[in-house]
C-alpha atoms as a PDB file:
ATOM      1  CA  MET A   1     135.966 220.781  74.156  1.00  0.00           C
ATOM      2  CA  GLN A   2     133.520 218.410  75.822  1.00  0.00           C
ATOM      3  CA  VAL A   3     134.011 214.866  77.075  1.00  0.00           C
ATOM      4  CA  LEU A   4     130.754 212.891  76.902  1.00  0.00           C
ATOM      5  CA  HIS A   5     130.161 209.419  78.300  1.00  0.00           C
ATOM      6  CA  SER A   6     126.499 208.881  77.418  1.00  0.00           C
ATOM      7  CA  ILE A   7     125.185 207.612  74.090  1.00  0.00           C
ATOM      8  CA  ALA A   8     122.134 209.848  74.456  1.00  0.00           C
ATOM      9  CA  ASP A   9     124.281 212.944  75.046  1.00  0.00           C
ATOM     10  CA  ILE A  10     126.515 212.462  72.005  1.00  0.00           C
ATOM     11  CA  LYS A  11     123.537 211.698  69.774  1.00  0.00           C
ATOM     12  CA  ASP A  12     121.753 214.852  70.898  1.00  0.00           C
ATOM     13  CA  LEU A  13     124.849 216.981  70.326  1.00  0.00           C
ATOM     14  CA  VAL A  14     125.459 215.665  66.804  1.00  0.00           C
ATOM     15  CA  LYS A  15     121.755 215.964  65.978  1.00  0.00           C
ATOM     16  CA  ASN A  16     121.921 219.673  66.817  1.00  0.00           C
ATOM     17  CA  TRP A  17     125.066 220.122  64.711  1.00  0.00           C
ATOM     18  CA  LYS A  18     123.424 218.497  61.720  1.00  0.00           C
ATOM     19  CA  ALA A  19     120.268 220.555  62.175  1.00  0.00           C
ATOM     20  CA  SER A  20     122.511 223.607  61.769  1.00  0.00           C
ATOM     21  CA  GLY A  21     123.920 222.198  58.535  1.00  0.00           C
ATOM     22  CA  LEU A  22     127.336 221.310  59.958  1.00  0.00           C
ATOM     23  CA  SER A  23     129.463 218.434  58.657  1.00  0.00           C
ATOM     24  CA  VAL A  24     130.750 215.854  61.141  1.00  0.00           C
ATOM     25  CA  GLY A  25     134.059 213.978  61.023  1.00  0.00           C
ATOM     26  CA  PHE A  26     134.781 211.020  63.270  1.00  0.00           C
ATOM     27  CA  VAL A  27     138.007 209.379  64.457  1.00  0.00           C
ATOM     28  CA  PRO A  28     137.400 206.130  66.382  1.00  0.00           C
ATOM     29  CA  THR A  29     140.275 205.174  68.694  1.00  0.00           C
ATOM     30  CA  MET A  30     141.091 203.068  71.719  1.00  0.00           C
ATOM     31  CA  GLY A  31     142.968 205.978  73.241  1.00  0.00           C
ATOM     32  CA  TYR A  32     146.570 206.415  74.384  1.00  0.00           C
ATOM     33  CA  LEU A  33     146.858 208.748  71.424  1.00  0.00           C
ATOM     34  CA  HIS A  34     150.018 209.281  69.370  1.00  0.00           C
ATOM     35  CA  GLU A  35     151.015 211.178  66.236  1.00  0.00           C
ATOM     36  CA  GLY A  36     149.337 208.564  64.052  1.00  0.00           C
ATOM     37  CA  HIS A  37     146.011 209.384  65.691  1.00  0.00           C
ATOM     38  CA  MET A  38     146.814 213.082  65.451  1.00  0.00           C
ATOM     39  CA  SER A  39     147.229 212.781  61.690  1.00  0.00           C
ATOM     40  CA  LEU A  40     143.688 211.380  61.447  1.00  0.00           C
ATOM     41  CA  ILE A  41     142.327 214.099  63.714  1.00  0.00           C
ATOM     42  CA  LYS A  42     144.013 216.822  61.665  1.00  0.00           C
ATOM     43  CA  GLU A  43     142.465 215.447  58.470  1.00  0.00           C
ATOM     44  CA  SER A  44     139.035 215.411  60.080  1.00  0.00           C
ATOM     45  CA  VAL A  45     139.377 218.940  61.454  1.00  0.00           C
ATOM     46  CA  ALA A  46     140.515 220.195  58.038  1.00  0.00           C
ATOM     47  CA  GLN A  47     137.654 218.537  56.158  1.00  0.00           C
ATOM     48  CA  ASN A  48     134.707 218.957  58.519  1.00  0.00           C
ATOM     49  CA  ASP A  49     132.954 221.599  60.603  1.00  0.00           C
ATOM     50  CA  LYS A  50     132.969 219.403  63.714  1.00  0.00           C
ATOM     51  CA  THR A  51     135.164 216.487  64.819  1.00  0.00           C
ATOM     52  CA  VAL A  52     134.298 213.701  67.258  1.00  0.00           C
ATOM     53  CA  VAL A  53     136.980 211.390  68.661  1.00  0.00           C
ATOM     54  CA  SER A  54     135.858 208.238  70.429  1.00  0.00           C
ATOM     55  CA  ILE A  55     138.092 206.738  73.100  1.00  0.00           C
ATOM     56  CA  PHE A  56     136.889 203.266  73.947  1.00  0.00           C
ATOM     57  CA  VAL A  57     138.959 200.156  74.630  1.00  0.00           C
ATOM     58  CA  ASN A  58     136.570 197.707  73.002  1.00  0.00           C
ATOM     59  CA  PRO A  59     136.478 194.405  74.933  1.00  0.00           C
ATOM     60  CA  THR A  60     134.821 192.419  72.137  1.00  0.00           C
ATOM     61  CA  GLN A  61     137.857 192.639  69.847  1.00  0.00           C
ATOM     62  CA  PHE A  62     140.270 191.147  72.393  1.00  0.00           C
ATOM     63  CA  GLY A  63     140.822 187.394  72.643  1.00  0.00           C
ATOM     64  CA  ALA A  64     140.902 185.395  75.874  1.00  0.00           C
ATOM     65  CA  ASN A  65     144.675 185.729  76.372  1.00  0.00           C
ATOM     66  CA  GLU A  66     145.177 189.163  74.843  1.00  0.00           C
ATOM     67  CA  ASP A  67     146.023 192.474  76.479  1.00  0.00           C
ATOM     68  CA  LEU A  68     142.619 193.986  77.321  1.00  0.00           C
ATOM     69  CA  ASP A  69     143.446 194.598  80.984  1.00  0.00           C
ATOM     70  CA  SER A  70     146.933 195.960  80.320  1.00  0.00           C
ATOM     71  CA  TYR A  71     146.091 198.032  77.221  1.00  0.00           C
ATOM     72  CA  PRO A  72     147.474 201.540  77.907  1.00  0.00           C
ATOM     73  CA  ARG A  73     144.942 204.138  79.019  1.00  0.00           C
ATOM     74  CA  ASP A  74     145.323 207.833  79.887  1.00  0.00           C
ATOM     75  CA  LEU A  75     142.159 209.852  79.257  1.00  0.00           C
ATOM     76  CA  ASP A  76     143.514 213.060  80.798  1.00  0.00           C
ATOM     77  CA  ARG A  77     146.530 213.038  78.493  1.00  0.00           C
ATOM     78  CA  ASP A  78     144.346 212.161  75.498  1.00  0.00           C
ATOM     79  CA  ALA A  79     141.953 215.017  76.295  1.00  0.00           C
ATOM     80  CA  ILE A  80     144.798 217.546  76.290  1.00  0.00           C
ATOM     81  CA  LEU A  81     146.023 216.291  72.913  1.00  0.00           C
ATOM     82  CA  CYS A  82     142.507 216.419  71.456  1.00  0.00           C
ATOM     83  CA  GLU A  83     141.825 219.926  72.744  1.00  0.00           C
ATOM     84  CA  ASN A  84     145.165 221.156  71.416  1.00  0.00           C
ATOM     85  CA  ASN A  85     144.237 219.730  67.999  1.00  0.00           C
ATOM     86  CA  HIS A  86     140.787 221.361  67.871  1.00  0.00           C
ATOM     87  CA  VAL A  87     138.610 218.309  68.537  1.00  0.00           C
ATOM     88  CA  ASP A  88     135.081 219.371  69.467  1.00  0.00           C
ATOM     89  CA  VAL A  89     134.078 216.413  71.618  1.00  0.00           C
ATOM     90  CA  ILE A  90     135.474 213.155  72.960  1.00  0.00           C
ATOM     91  CA  PHE A  91     133.010 210.294  73.253  1.00  0.00           C
ATOM     92  CA  ASN A  92     134.252 208.056  76.083  1.00  0.00           C
ATOM     93  CA  PRO A  93     131.590 205.474  76.931  1.00  0.00           C
ATOM     94  CA  SER A  94     131.914 202.682  79.462  1.00  0.00           C
ATOM     95  CA  ALA A  95     131.762 199.033  78.410  1.00  0.00           C
ATOM     96  CA  GLU A  96     128.398 198.832  80.183  1.00  0.00           C
ATOM     97  CA  GLU A  97     127.080 201.771  78.140  1.00  0.00           C
ATOM     98  CA  MET A  98     128.104 200.102  74.878  1.00  0.00           C
ATOM     99  CA  TYR A  99     127.290 196.507  75.809  1.00  0.00           C
ATOM    100  CA  PRO A 100     124.447 196.236  78.338  1.00  0.00           C
ATOM    101  CA  ASP A 101     123.598 192.865  79.855  1.00  0.00           C
ATOM    102  CA  ASP A 102     120.934 192.162  77.218  1.00  0.00           C
ATOM    103  CA  PHE A 103     123.241 192.796  74.233  1.00  0.00           C
ATOM    104  CA  TYR A 104     123.033 189.844  71.807  1.00  0.00           C
ATOM    105  CA  THR A 105     124.081 191.181  68.380  1.00  0.00           C
ATOM    106  CA  SER A 106     127.342 190.974  66.437  1.00  0.00           C
ATOM    107  CA  VAL A 107     128.407 191.958  62.932  1.00  0.00           C
ATOM    108  CA  THR A 108     130.502 189.643  60.747  1.00  0.00           C
ATOM    109  CA  VAL A 109     132.271 190.340  57.457  1.00  0.00           C
ATOM    110  CA  HIS A 110     133.194 187.066  55.777  1.00  0.00           C
ATOM    111  CA  THR A 111     136.132 186.246  53.457  1.00  0.00           C
ATOM    112  CA  LEU A 112     138.149 189.425  54.094  1.00  0.00           C
ATOM    113  CA  THR A 113     138.695 188.249  57.665  1.00  0.00           C
ATOM    114  CA  ASP A 114     139.971 184.763  56.753  1.00  0.00           C
ATOM    115  CA  ARG A 115     143.617 185.805  56.330  1.00  0.00           C
ATOM    116  CA  LEU A 116     146.245 187.941  58.058  1.00  0.00           C
ATOM    117  CA  CYS A 117     145.211 188.996  61.573  1.00  0.00           C
ATOM    118  CA  GLY A 118     141.782 187.465  61.095  1.00  0.00           C
ATOM    119  CA  SER A 119     143.197 183.934  60.977  1.00  0.00           C
ATOM    120  CA  LYS A 120     145.453 184.602  63.969  1.00  0.00           C
ATOM    121  CA  ARG A 121     142.887 186.358  66.193  1.00  0.00           C
ATOM    122  CA  PRO A 122     139.555 184.488  65.967  1.00  0.00           C
ATOM    123  CA  GLY A 123     136.594 186.760  66.603  1.00  0.00           C
ATOM    124  CA  HIS A 124     138.697 189.922  66.494  1.00  0.00           C
ATOM    125  CA  PHE A 125     137.050 191.415  63.436  1.00  0.00           C
ATOM    126  CA  ASP A 126     133.561 190.526  64.618  1.00  0.00           C
ATOM    127  CA  GLY A 127     134.348 192.721  67.607  1.00  0.00           C
ATOM    128  CA  VAL A 128     135.779 195.473  65.406  1.00  0.00           C
ATOM    129  CA  CYS A 129     132.819 195.458  63.010  1.00  0.00           C
ATOM    130  CA  THR A 130     130.285 195.391  65.827  1.00  0.00           C
ATOM    131  CA  VAL A 131     131.777 198.334  67.701  1.00  0.00           C
ATOM    132  CA  VAL A 132     132.413 200.412  64.554  1.00  0.00           C
ATOM    133  CA  ASN A 133     128.848 199.742  63.401  1.00  0.00           C
ATOM    134  CA  LYS A 134     127.568 200.900  66.794  1.00  0.00           C
ATOM    135  CA  LEU A 135     129.797 203.979  66.794  1.00  0.00           C
ATOM    136  CA  PHE A 136     128.683 204.951  63.287  1.00  0.00           C
ATOM    137  CA  ASN A 137     125.042 204.592  64.367  1.00  0.00           C
ATOM    138  CA  ILE A 138     125.641 206.593  67.545  1.00  0.00           C
ATOM    139  CA  VAL A 139     127.753 209.420  66.106  1.00  0.00           C
ATOM    140  CA  GLY A 140     126.309 209.455  62.589  1.00  0.00           C
ATOM    141  CA  PRO A 141     129.382 211.030  60.964  1.00  0.00           C
ATOM    142  CA  HIS A 142     129.640 212.153  57.367  1.00  0.00           C
ATOM    143  CA  LYS A 143     133.284 211.002  57.220  1.00  0.00           C
ATOM    144  CA  ALA A 144     135.301 208.562  59.354  1.00  0.00           C
ATOM    145  CA  TYR A 145     139.094 208.340  59.437  1.00  0.00           C
ATOM    146  CA  PHE A 146     141.257 205.225  59.863  1.00  0.00           C
ATOM    147  CA  GLY A 147     145.008 204.592  59.675  1.00  0.00           C
ATOM    148  CA  GLN A 148     146.489 202.416  56.942  1.00  0.00           C
ATOM    149  CA  LYS A 149     148.691 200.651  59.508  1.00  0.00           C
ATOM    150  CA  ASP A 150     145.621 198.524  60.254  1.00  0.00           C
ATOM    151  CA  ALA A 151     145.174 197.794  56.558  1.00  0.00           C
ATOM    152  CA  GLN A 152     142.984 194.722  56.998  1.00  0.00           C
ATOM    153  CA  GLN A 153     140.715 196.631  59.374  1.00  0.00           C
ATOM    154  CA  VAL A 154     140.337 199.407  56.799  1.00  0.00           C
ATOM    155  CA  ALA A 155     139.441 196.912  54.062  1.00  0.00           C
ATOM    156  CA  VAL A 156     136.918 195.157  56.298  1.00  0.00           C
ATOM    157  CA  ILE A 157     135.252 198.415  57.353  1.00  0.00           C
ATOM    158  CA  HIS A 158     135.078 199.616  53.739  1.00  0.00           C
ATOM    159  CA  ARG A 159     133.313 196.369  52.849  1.00  0.00           C
ATOM    160  CA  MET A 160     130.925 196.566  55.804  1.00  0.00           C
ATOM    161  CA  VAL A 161     129.963 200.138  54.935  1.00  0.00           C
ATOM    162  CA  SER A 162     129.426 199.238  51.278  1.00  0.00           C
ATOM    163  CA  ASP A 163     127.505 196.023  51.927  1.00  0.00           C
ATOM    164  CA  LEU A 164     125.217 197.599  54.532  1.00  0.00           C
ATOM    165  CA  ASN A 165     124.712 200.858  52.582  1.00  0.00           C
ATOM    166  CA  MET A 166     125.916 202.917  55.518  1.00  0.00           C
ATOM    167  CA  PRO A 167     125.839 206.702  54.907  1.00  0.00           C
ATOM    168  CA  VAL A 168     129.442 207.402  55.874  1.00  0.00           C
ATOM    169  CA  GLU A 169     132.583 207.967  53.802  1.00  0.00           C
ATOM    170  CA  VAL A 170     135.515 205.900  55.092  1.00  0.00           C
ATOM    171  CA  ILE A 171     138.849 207.658  54.594  1.00  0.00           C
ATOM    172  CA  SER A 172     142.151 205.805  54.931  1.00  0.00           C
ATOM    173  CA  CYS A 173     145.179 207.887  55.947  1.00  0.00           C
ATOM    174  CA  PRO A 174     148.881 207.009  55.490  1.00  0.00           C
ATOM    175  CA  ILE A 175     150.943 205.259  58.152  1.00  0.00           C
ATOM    176  CA  VAL A 176     152.795 207.666  60.441  1.00  0.00           C
ATOM    177  CA  ARG A 177     156.260 206.462  61.433  1.00  0.00           C
ATOM    178  CA  GLU A 178     158.906 207.288  63.989  1.00  0.00           C
ATOM    179  CA  SER A 179     162.155 208.762  62.654  1.00  0.00           C
ATOM    180  CA  ASP A 180     163.657 205.239  62.466  1.00  0.00           C
ATOM    181  CA  GLY A 181     160.706 203.856  60.501  1.00  0.00           C
ATOM    182  CA  LEU A 182     158.740 202.113  63.246  1.00  0.00           C
ATOM    183  CA  ALA A 183     155.013 202.482  62.628  1.00  0.00           C
ATOM    184  CA  MET A 184     153.420 204.416  65.470  1.00  0.00           C
ATOM    185  CA  SER A 185     151.201 202.287  67.706  1.00  0.00           C
ATOM    186  CA  SER A 186     149.880 202.480  71.245  1.00  0.00           C
ATOM    187  CA  ARG A 187     151.382 199.018  71.802  1.00  0.00           C
ATOM    188  CA  ASN A 188     154.891 200.381  71.182  1.00  0.00           C
ATOM    189  CA  SER A 189     154.756 201.480  74.820  1.00  0.00           C
ATOM    190  CA  TYR A 190     155.059 197.792  75.793  1.00  0.00           C
ATOM    191  CA  LEU A 191     158.554 197.529  74.290  1.00  0.00           C
ATOM    192  CA  SER A 192     161.603 197.509  76.537  1.00  0.00           C
ATOM    193  CA  ASN A 193     164.478 199.824  75.609  1.00  0.00           C
ATOM    194  CA  GLU A 194     166.357 196.919  74.017  1.00  0.00           C
ATOM    195  CA  GLU A 195     163.280 195.751  72.105  1.00  0.00           C
ATOM    196  CA  ARG A 196     162.659 199.281  70.871  1.00  0.00           C
ATOM    197  CA  THR A 197     166.110 199.326  69.248  1.00  0.00           C
ATOM    198  CA  VAL A 198     165.208 196.125  67.378  1.00  0.00           C
ATOM    199  CA  ALA A 199     161.685 197.174  66.295  1.00  0.00           C
ATOM    200  CA  PRO A 200     162.699 199.224  63.196  1.00  0.00           C
ATOM    201  CA  ILE A 201     163.675 195.920  61.532  1.00  0.00           C
ATOM    202  CA  LEU A 202     160.015 195.570  60.500  1.00  0.00           C
ATOM    203  CA  TYR A 203     160.130 198.608  58.263  1.00  0.00           C
ATOM    204  CA  GLN A 204     163.612 197.720  57.049  1.00  0.00           C
ATOM    205  CA  ALA A 205     162.305 194.331  55.912  1.00  0.00           C
ATOM    206  CA  LEU A 206     159.342 195.935  54.149  1.00  0.00           C
ATOM    207  CA  SER A 207     161.620 198.500  52.505  1.00  0.00           C
ATOM    208  CA  GLN A 208     163.828 195.696  51.192  1.00  0.00           C
ATOM    209  CA  ALA A 209     160.701 194.074  49.754  1.00  0.00           C
ATOM    210  CA  ALA A 210     159.778 197.322  48.031  1.00  0.00           C
ATOM    211  CA  GLU A 211     163.276 197.550  46.562  1.00  0.00           C
ATOM    212  CA  LEU A 212     163.050 193.975  45.253  1.00  0.00           C
ATOM    213  CA  TYR A 213     159.795 194.840  43.543  1.00  0.00           C
ATOM    214  CA  ARG A 214     161.159 198.124  42.200  1.00  0.00           C
ATOM    215  CA  THR A 215     164.134 196.344  40.624  1.00  0.00           C
ATOM    216  CA  GLY A 216     161.956 193.853  38.769  1.00  0.00           C
ATOM    217  CA  CYS A 217     160.867 191.035  41.094  1.00  0.00           C
ATOM    218  CA  SER A 218     157.112 190.551  40.723  1.00  0.00           C
ATOM    219  CA  GLU A 219     156.915 187.032  42.183  1.00  0.00           C
ATOM    220  CA  THR A 220     155.674 187.103  45.760  1.00  0.00           C
ATOM    221  CA  THR A 221     157.491 184.006  47.058  1.00  0.00           C
ATOM    222  CA  PRO A 222     161.059 185.406  46.888  1.00  0.00           C
ATOM    223  CA  ILE A 223     159.836 188.711  48.295  1.00  0.00           C
ATOM    224  CA  SER A 224     158.249 186.896  51.239  1.00  0.00           C
ATOM    225  CA  GLN A 225     161.398 184.820  51.737  1.00  0.00           C
ATOM    226  CA  ALA A 226     163.561 187.943  51.785  1.00  0.00           C
ATOM    227  CA  ILE A 227     161.346 189.544  54.429  1.00  0.00           C
ATOM    228  CA  GLN A 228     161.468 186.395  56.549  1.00  0.00           C
ATOM    229  CA  ALA A 229     165.248 186.177  56.330  1.00  0.00           C
ATOM    230  CA  THR A 230     165.641 189.785  57.456  1.00  0.00           C
ATOM    231  CA  LEU A 231     163.244 189.406  60.358  1.00  0.00           C
ATOM    232  CA  GLU A 232     164.578 186.060  61.551  1.00  0.00           C
ATOM    233  CA  ALA A 233     168.130 187.436  61.622  1.00  0.00           C
ATOM    234  CA  GLN A 234     167.017 189.068  64.876  1.00  0.00           C
ATOM    235  CA  ASP A 235     166.664 186.388  67.548  1.00  0.00           C
ATOM    236  CA  ARG A 236     164.205 188.539  69.526  1.00  0.00           C
ATOM    237  CA  ILE A 237     161.733 188.401  66.614  1.00  0.00           C
ATOM    238  CA  THR A 238     159.193 185.615  66.130  1.00  0.00           C
ATOM    239  CA  VAL A 239     157.336 185.869  62.825  1.00  0.00           C
ATOM    240  CA  ASP A 240     153.564 185.523  63.099  1.00  0.00           C
ATOM    241  CA  TYR A 241     152.829 185.961  59.400  1.00  0.00           C
ATOM    242  CA  ILE A 242     154.166 187.412  56.164  1.00  0.00           C
ATOM    243  CA  GLU A 243     151.473 187.833  53.508  1.00  0.00           C
ATOM    244  CA  LEU A 244     151.275 189.395  50.058  1.00  0.00           C
ATOM    245  CA  VAL A 245     147.632 189.792  49.104  1.00  0.00           C
ATOM    246  CA  ASP A 246     145.420 191.702  46.703  1.00  0.00           C
ATOM    247  CA  PHE A 247     144.969 195.161  48.196  1.00  0.00           C
ATOM    248  CA  ARG A 248     141.186 195.111  47.807  1.00  0.00           C
ATOM    249  CA  THR A 249     140.152 191.469  48.218  1.00  0.00           C
ATOM    250  CA  LEU A 250     142.970 190.427  50.606  1.00  0.00           C
ATOM    251  CA  GLN A 251     143.320 187.163  48.694  1.00  0.00           C
ATOM    252  CA  LYS A 252     146.808 185.700  48.290  1.00  0.00           C
ATOM    253  CA  VAL A 253     148.610 186.463  45.036  1.00  0.00           C
ATOM    254  CA  GLU A 254     151.583 184.757  43.399  1.00  0.00           C
ATOM    255  CA  PHE A 255     152.544 187.659  41.152  1.00  0.00           C
ATOM    256  CA  ILE A 256     152.237 191.405  41.682  1.00  0.00           C
ATOM    257  CA  GLU A 257     150.093 192.574  38.792  1.00  0.00           C
ATOM    258  CA  LYS A 258     147.966 195.164  40.596  1.00  0.00           C
ATOM    259  CA  PRO A 259     148.037 196.921  43.986  1.00  0.00           C
ATOM    260  CA  THR A 260     149.319 194.359  46.492  1.00  0.00           C
ATOM    261  CA  LEU A 261     149.386 194.630  50.262  1.00  0.00           C
ATOM    262  CA  CYS A 262     152.596 193.344  51.786  1.00  0.00           C
ATOM    263  CA  ALA A 263     151.696 192.795  55.457  1.00  0.00           C
ATOM    264  CA  ILE A 264     153.662 191.395  58.357  1.00  0.00           C
ATOM    265  CA  ALA A 265     153.026 190.591  62.006  1.00  0.00           C
ATOM    266  CA  VAL A 266     155.693 189.613  64.521  1.00  0.00           C
ATOM    267  CA  PHE A 267     156.161 189.094  68.206  1.00  0.00           C
ATOM    268  CA  LEU A 268     158.992 191.151  69.650  1.00  0.00           C
ATOM    269  CA  GLY A 269     159.287 189.711  73.111  1.00  0.00           C
ATOM    270  CA  LYS A 270     155.675 189.560  74.258  1.00  0.00           C
ATOM    271  CA  THR A 271     154.531 192.468  72.090  1.00  0.00           C
ATOM    272  CA  ARG A 272     152.739 191.805  68.808  1.00  0.00           C
ATOM    273  CA  LEU A 273     153.540 194.390  66.127  1.00  0.00           C
ATOM    274  CA  ILE A 274     152.071 194.771  62.642  1.00  0.00           C
ATOM    275  CA  ASP A 275     153.169 196.813  59.640  1.00  0.00           C
ATOM    276  CA  ASN A 276     152.611 196.924  55.892  1.00  0.00           C
ATOM    277  CA  ILE A 277     153.404 198.586  52.611  1.00  0.00           C
ATOM    278  CA  ILE A 278     151.557 198.621  49.291  1.00  0.00           C
ATOM    279  CA  LEU A 279     153.327 197.339  46.200  1.00  0.00           C
ATOM    280  CA  ALA A 280     151.758 198.159  42.842  1.00  0.00           C
ATOM    281  CA  SER A 281     152.637 197.610  39.197  1.00  0.00           C
ATOM    282  CA  GLU A 282     153.213 200.683  37.033  1.00  0.00           C
ATOM    283  CA  GLU A 283     149.893 200.048  35.262  1.00  0.00           C
ATOM    284  CA  SER A 284     148.053 200.307  38.612  1.00  0.00           C
ATOM    285  CA  ASN A 285     149.600 203.589  39.748  1.00  0.00           C
END
């Protein structure tokens, strides 16, 4: 396995692969890899001849008071995990390589970014779309793999790829959870031992919402209220948002009549955690 830092080097490598008729899968990450990332990598390795993993903590998707400087990083550890899971190359560019001094362009997807994390983190999705657009142009994959934990990100990238006629298939993979239900995330490493014991309440609240829907409640307001009550029973939790939105358009819905994303974000201490489930009527399944 190679680790490349230069845009020119990764482009040349992939160009040679494609000239030999090989298919290329791509898993973009910010590193500090966990089993959620591994699930994406395994899908790519299974479906493609070659797999590229990018490890780049993208500064343009972090706000002024967010955790860019403290975001966990461990390239050596990540490289071992990638090699053990049959990745062919890691692309690990510097911020200067990706954003030189004369960089003036950004990519914006409207409407889908107005709700959920988009309304709470201004500019975040412009940064996400810009870096993913660049990475797609640099790597030129046939397929790219994203985790459903970042459901809004997946929807936004799907829309960007469709609107801009980008020649890549975006594949969304299921959330990978710890044994107690906590969605795997690099930011889980921020949690203290006490906070970690509280964190599974997110999935418990979402599971209660799913049970409400399963037993006949299709109105979103009582489902949202039930989630809030469960979360706020823990005094360490501060709710950032609870949203039930159309799975494809991300617009708020009052009744669950088709696939509906039930998404939550909370602060547990100083750590912001997100999670979601998809609720769907029988006619939509």
